[in-house]
């Protein structure tokens, strides 16, 4: 987000759809973090439109201890879709680098 502030705000290309989590989503689905099964359902829904790629700008770093079955649901949906990509933080030389 910081790096994008330098270029200024731009409208996304017409062939890209951005799905954001907003206040209304939190009111309807509950506080964050959501069970990963919610993300799995989103992947399944979006896959019906045969997208080229689905990107998540959300980290899934640890197992979901509250909803352990959600992890498998997310894995299964990701494997079925074959076009899902996730952000992941990397550490290099003791420094945390977030792509």
N, C-alpha and C. Protein backbone atom coordinates (compact mmCIF):
# COMPACT_ATOMS: atom_id res chain seq x y z
N UNK A 1 0.82 -1.19 0.00
CA UNK A 1 0.00 0.00 0.00
C UNK A 1 0.86 1.26 0.00
N UNK A 2 1.96 1.23 0.74
CA UNK A 2 2.83 2.40 0.83
C UNK A 2 3.42 2.75 -0.53
N UNK A 3 3.88 1.74 -1.25
CA UNK A 3 4.49 1.99 -2.56
C UNK A 3 3.47 2.53 -3.57
N UNK A 4 2.23 2.09 -3.45
CA UNK A 4 1.19 2.57 -4.36
C UNK A 4 0.84 4.02 -4.11
N UNK A 5 1.12 4.53 -2.91
CA UNK A 5 0.81 5.93 -2.62
C UNK A 5 1.64 6.88 -3.48
N UNK A 6 2.80 6.45 -3.95
CA UNK A 6 3.65 7.30 -4.78
C UNK A 6 3.08 7.50 -6.18
N UNK A 7 2.43 6.51 -6.71
CA UNK A 7 1.93 6.62 -8.08
C UNK A 7 0.58 7.32 -8.16
N UNK A 8 -0.09 7.45 -7.04
CA UNK A 8 -1.41 8.08 -7.04
C UNK A 8 -2.51 7.06 -7.33
N UNK A 9 -3.72 7.46 -7.10
CA UNK A 9 -4.85 6.57 -7.28
C UNK A 9 -5.19 6.41 -8.76
N UNK A 10 -5.42 5.18 -9.17
CA UNK A 10 -5.79 4.88 -10.55
C UNK A 10 -6.94 3.88 -10.54
N UNK A 11 -7.79 4.01 -11.52
CA UNK A 11 -8.88 3.04 -11.65
C UNK A 11 -8.31 1.72 -12.16
N UNK A 12 -8.81 0.60 -11.65
CA UNK A 12 -8.31 -0.69 -12.15
C UNK A 12 -8.78 -0.93 -13.57
N UNK A 13 -8.05 -1.75 -14.32
CA UNK A 13 -8.50 -2.10 -15.67
C UNK A 13 -9.88 -2.73 -15.63
N UNK A 14 -10.60 -2.64 -16.72
CA UNK A 14 -11.97 -3.15 -16.79
C UNK A 14 -12.06 -4.67 -16.63
N UNK A 15 -10.99 -5.38 -16.93
CA UNK A 15 -11.04 -6.84 -16.83
C UNK A 15 -10.59 -7.36 -15.46
N UNK A 16 -10.47 -6.47 -14.48
CA UNK A 16 -10.10 -6.84 -13.12
C UNK A 16 -11.24 -6.48 -12.18
N UNK A 17 -11.58 -7.41 -11.31
CA UNK A 17 -12.62 -7.16 -10.31
C UNK A 17 -11.95 -7.22 -8.94
N UNK A 18 -12.16 -6.19 -8.14
CA UNK A 18 -11.61 -6.16 -6.78
C UNK A 18 -12.75 -6.39 -5.81
N UNK A 19 -12.59 -7.40 -4.98
CA UNK A 19 -13.58 -7.71 -3.95
C UNK A 19 -12.93 -7.37 -2.62
N UNK A 20 -13.47 -6.38 -1.93
CA UNK A 20 -12.87 -5.90 -0.70
C UNK A 20 -13.76 -6.22 0.50
N UNK A 21 -13.12 -6.34 1.64
CA UNK A 21 -13.84 -6.54 2.90
C UNK A 21 -14.12 -5.16 3.46
N UNK A 22 -15.40 -4.87 3.62
CA UNK A 22 -15.79 -3.57 4.15
C UNK A 22 -16.57 -3.74 5.45
N UNK A 23 -17.00 -2.62 6.00
CA UNK A 23 -17.73 -2.62 7.26
C UNK A 23 -19.01 -3.44 7.18
N UNK A 24 -19.71 -3.34 6.06
CA UNK A 24 -20.96 -4.08 5.88
C UNK A 24 -20.68 -5.59 5.89
N UNK A 25 -19.58 -5.99 5.28
CA UNK A 25 -19.21 -7.41 5.27
C UNK A 25 -18.96 -7.92 6.68
N UNK A 26 -18.26 -7.12 7.47
CA UNK A 26 -17.96 -7.51 8.85
C UNK A 26 -19.24 -7.58 9.67
N UNK A 27 -20.15 -6.64 9.45
CA UNK A 27 -21.43 -6.68 10.17
C UNK A 27 -22.22 -7.93 9.81
N UNK A 28 -22.19 -8.31 8.54
CA UNK A 28 -22.98 -9.45 8.08
C UNK A 28 -22.34 -10.79 8.44
N UNK A 29 -21.02 -10.89 8.28
CA UNK A 29 -20.32 -12.17 8.45
C UNK A 29 -19.60 -12.32 9.78
N UNK A 30 -19.53 -11.25 10.56
CA UNK A 30 -18.85 -11.33 11.84
C UNK A 30 -17.45 -10.76 11.79
N UNK A 31 -16.88 -10.65 12.96
CA UNK A 31 -15.55 -10.01 13.07
C UNK A 31 -14.47 -10.84 12.40
N UNK A 32 -13.41 -10.15 12.08
CA UNK A 32 -12.26 -10.75 11.43
C UNK A 32 -11.40 -11.42 12.47
N UNK A 33 -10.72 -12.51 12.22
CA UNK A 33 -10.64 -13.23 10.96
C UNK A 33 -11.84 -14.16 10.77
N UNK A 34 -12.23 -14.32 9.53
CA UNK A 34 -13.34 -15.21 9.20
C UNK A 34 -12.82 -16.64 9.04
N UNK A 35 -13.71 -17.61 9.23
CA UNK A 35 -13.30 -18.99 8.95
C UNK A 35 -12.86 -19.10 7.48
N UNK A 36 -11.89 -19.90 7.24
CA UNK A 36 -11.37 -20.05 5.87
C UNK A 36 -12.39 -20.67 4.93
N UNK A 37 -13.40 -21.29 5.51
CA UNK A 37 -14.46 -21.84 4.66
C UNK A 37 -15.19 -20.72 3.92
N UNK A 38 -15.21 -19.50 4.49
CA UNK A 38 -15.81 -18.35 3.79
C UNK A 38 -15.02 -18.04 2.53
N UNK A 39 -13.69 -18.07 2.65
CA UNK A 39 -12.83 -17.81 1.50
C UNK A 39 -12.97 -18.94 0.48
N UNK A 40 -13.12 -20.17 0.98
CA UNK A 40 -13.31 -21.32 0.09
C UNK A 40 -14.60 -21.16 -0.71
N UNK A 41 -15.66 -20.72 -0.05
CA UNK A 41 -16.93 -20.49 -0.74
C UNK A 41 -16.79 -19.41 -1.81
N UNK A 42 -16.03 -18.37 -1.49
CA UNK A 42 -15.79 -17.30 -2.46
C UNK A 42 -15.04 -17.84 -3.68
N UNK A 43 -14.02 -18.65 -3.44
CA UNK A 43 -13.27 -19.25 -4.55
C UNK A 43 -14.19 -20.10 -5.41
N UNK A 44 -15.01 -20.92 -4.77
CA UNK A 44 -15.94 -21.77 -5.53
C UNK A 44 -16.91 -20.93 -6.35
N UNK A 45 -17.41 -19.85 -5.77
CA UNK A 45 -18.35 -18.98 -6.48
C UNK A 45 -17.66 -18.30 -7.67
N UNK A 46 -16.49 -17.72 -7.42
CA UNK A 46 -15.76 -17.03 -8.49
C UNK A 46 -15.34 -17.99 -9.60
N UNK A 47 -15.03 -19.22 -9.24
CA UNK A 47 -14.59 -20.21 -10.22
C UNK A 47 -15.66 -20.52 -11.25
N UNK A 48 -16.91 -20.31 -10.90
CA UNK A 48 -17.99 -20.55 -11.85
C UNK A 48 -17.87 -19.64 -13.08
N UNK A 49 -17.25 -18.46 -12.89
CA UNK A 49 -17.05 -17.53 -13.99
C UNK A 49 -15.77 -17.79 -14.77
N UNK A 50 -15.05 -18.84 -14.42
CA UNK A 50 -13.81 -19.24 -15.09
C UNK A 50 -12.78 -18.10 -15.16
N UNK A 51 -12.41 -17.54 -14.00
CA UNK A 51 -11.41 -16.46 -14.02
C UNK A 51 -10.03 -17.00 -14.38
N UNK A 52 -9.19 -16.13 -14.92
CA UNK A 52 -7.82 -16.53 -15.23
C UNK A 52 -7.02 -16.66 -13.94
N UNK A 53 -7.27 -15.74 -13.00
CA UNK A 53 -6.53 -15.75 -11.74
C UNK A 53 -7.41 -15.19 -10.62
N UNK A 54 -7.18 -15.71 -9.42
CA UNK A 54 -7.81 -15.18 -8.21
C UNK A 54 -6.67 -14.92 -7.23
N UNK A 55 -6.55 -13.69 -6.77
CA UNK A 55 -5.50 -13.31 -5.83
C UNK A 55 -6.10 -12.95 -4.48
N UNK A 56 -5.45 -13.38 -3.42
CA UNK A 56 -5.85 -12.99 -2.06
C UNK A 56 -4.74 -12.14 -1.47
N UNK A 57 -5.11 -10.96 -1.03
CA UNK A 57 -4.19 -10.07 -0.33
C UNK A 57 -4.44 -10.22 1.17
N UNK A 58 -4.49 -11.46 1.61
CA UNK A 58 -4.77 -11.82 3.00
C UNK A 58 -3.81 -12.93 3.38
N UNK A 59 -3.22 -12.82 4.55
CA UNK A 59 -2.29 -13.86 4.99
C UNK A 59 -3.03 -14.97 5.73
N UNK A 60 -2.69 -16.19 5.42
CA UNK A 60 -3.19 -17.37 6.12
C UNK A 60 -1.95 -18.08 6.67
N UNK A 61 -1.39 -17.55 7.76
CA UNK A 61 -0.09 -18.01 8.23
C UNK A 61 -0.15 -19.20 9.17
N UNK A 62 -1.20 -19.29 9.95
CA UNK A 62 -1.30 -20.37 10.93
C UNK A 62 -2.57 -21.16 10.69
N UNK A 63 -2.62 -22.33 11.25
CA UNK A 63 -3.84 -23.14 11.14
C UNK A 63 -4.98 -22.45 11.86
N UNK A 64 -6.17 -22.68 11.36
CA UNK A 64 -7.38 -22.11 11.97
C UNK A 64 -7.78 -23.01 13.14
N UNK A 65 -7.41 -22.60 14.35
CA UNK A 65 -7.65 -23.41 15.53
C UNK A 65 -9.13 -23.44 15.92
N UNK A 66 -9.85 -22.38 15.62
CA UNK A 66 -11.27 -22.32 15.95
C UNK A 66 -12.12 -23.14 14.98
N UNK A 67 -11.69 -23.23 13.74
CA UNK A 67 -12.44 -23.94 12.70
C UNK A 67 -11.47 -24.82 11.90
N UNK A 68 -10.96 -25.91 12.49
CA UNK A 68 -9.93 -26.70 11.80
C UNK A 68 -10.37 -27.25 10.44
N UNK A 69 -11.65 -27.54 10.26
CA UNK A 69 -12.13 -28.06 8.98
C UNK A 69 -12.07 -26.99 7.89
N UNK A 70 -12.00 -25.73 8.29
CA UNK A 70 -11.92 -24.62 7.33
C UNK A 70 -10.64 -24.66 6.52
N UNK A 71 -9.55 -25.09 7.14
CA UNK A 71 -8.28 -25.18 6.42
C UNK A 71 -8.41 -26.12 5.23
N UNK A 72 -9.00 -27.27 5.46
CA UNK A 72 -9.15 -28.25 4.38
C UNK A 72 -10.10 -27.73 3.30
N UNK A 73 -11.14 -27.02 3.70
CA UNK A 73 -12.07 -26.45 2.72
C UNK A 73 -11.34 -25.47 1.81
N UNK A 74 -10.48 -24.63 2.39
CA UNK A 74 -9.72 -23.66 1.59
C UNK A 74 -8.74 -24.38 0.66
N UNK A 75 -8.08 -25.39 1.17
CA UNK A 75 -7.15 -26.16 0.35
C UNK A 75 -7.89 -26.81 -0.82
N UNK A 76 -9.01 -27.44 -0.54
CA UNK A 76 -9.77 -28.13 -1.58
C UNK A 76 -10.27 -27.17 -2.66
N UNK A 77 -10.80 -26.03 -2.24
CA UNK A 77 -11.29 -25.04 -3.21
C UNK A 77 -10.15 -24.49 -4.06
N UNK A 78 -9.01 -24.26 -3.43
CA UNK A 78 -7.84 -23.75 -4.14
C UNK A 78 -7.37 -24.76 -5.18
N UNK A 79 -7.33 -26.02 -4.79
CA UNK A 79 -6.89 -27.06 -5.74
C UNK A 79 -7.87 -27.21 -6.90
N UNK A 80 -9.16 -27.15 -6.61
CA UNK A 80 -10.15 -27.28 -7.69
C UNK A 80 -10.05 -26.11 -8.68
N UNK A 81 -9.87 -24.91 -8.16
CA UNK A 81 -9.85 -23.72 -9.02
C UNK A 81 -8.60 -23.65 -9.89
N UNK A 82 -7.47 -24.09 -9.37
CA UNK A 82 -6.20 -24.11 -10.09
C UNK A 82 -5.72 -22.74 -10.56
N UNK A 83 -6.26 -21.69 -10.00
CA UNK A 83 -5.83 -20.35 -10.44
C UNK A 83 -5.78 -19.37 -9.27
N UNK A 84 -5.59 -19.90 -8.06
CA UNK A 84 -5.63 -19.07 -6.85
C UNK A 84 -4.21 -18.81 -6.36
N UNK A 85 -3.95 -17.55 -6.00
CA UNK A 85 -2.64 -17.13 -5.52
C UNK A 85 -2.83 -16.37 -4.21
N UNK A 86 -1.88 -16.59 -3.28
CA UNK A 86 -1.95 -15.96 -1.96
C UNK A 86 -0.68 -15.15 -1.70
N UNK A 87 -0.85 -14.04 -0.98
CA UNK A 87 0.30 -13.28 -0.48
C UNK A 87 0.98 -14.11 0.60
N UNK A 88 2.28 -13.91 0.74
CA UNK A 88 3.00 -14.59 1.80
C UNK A 88 4.18 -13.73 2.22
N UNK A 89 4.35 -13.47 3.52
CA UNK A 89 5.49 -12.66 3.96
C UNK A 89 6.77 -13.50 3.94
N UNK A 90 7.85 -12.90 3.52
CA UNK A 90 9.13 -13.58 3.48
C UNK A 90 10.08 -12.91 4.45
N UNK A 91 10.98 -13.70 5.03
CA UNK A 91 12.02 -13.15 5.89
C UNK A 91 13.36 -13.38 5.22
N UNK A 92 14.14 -12.32 5.16
CA UNK A 92 15.46 -12.43 4.55
C UNK A 92 16.46 -11.78 5.49
N UNK A 93 17.47 -12.54 5.86
CA UNK A 93 18.52 -12.05 6.73
C UNK A 93 17.96 -11.40 7.99
N UNK A 94 16.97 -12.07 8.58
CA UNK A 94 16.44 -11.58 9.85
C UNK A 94 15.46 -10.43 9.73
N UNK A 95 15.24 -9.93 8.52
CA UNK A 95 14.30 -8.83 8.32
C UNK A 95 13.05 -9.36 7.67
N UNK A 96 11.93 -8.91 8.16
CA UNK A 96 10.67 -9.34 7.57
C UNK A 96 10.37 -8.48 6.35
N UNK A 97 10.12 -9.12 5.24
CA UNK A 97 9.80 -8.42 4.01
C UNK A 97 8.43 -8.88 3.55
N UNK A 98 7.52 -7.95 3.40
CA UNK A 98 6.18 -8.29 2.95
C UNK A 98 6.03 -7.82 1.51
N UNK A 99 5.73 -8.76 0.60
CA UNK A 99 5.61 -8.38 -0.82
C UNK A 99 4.45 -7.44 -1.06
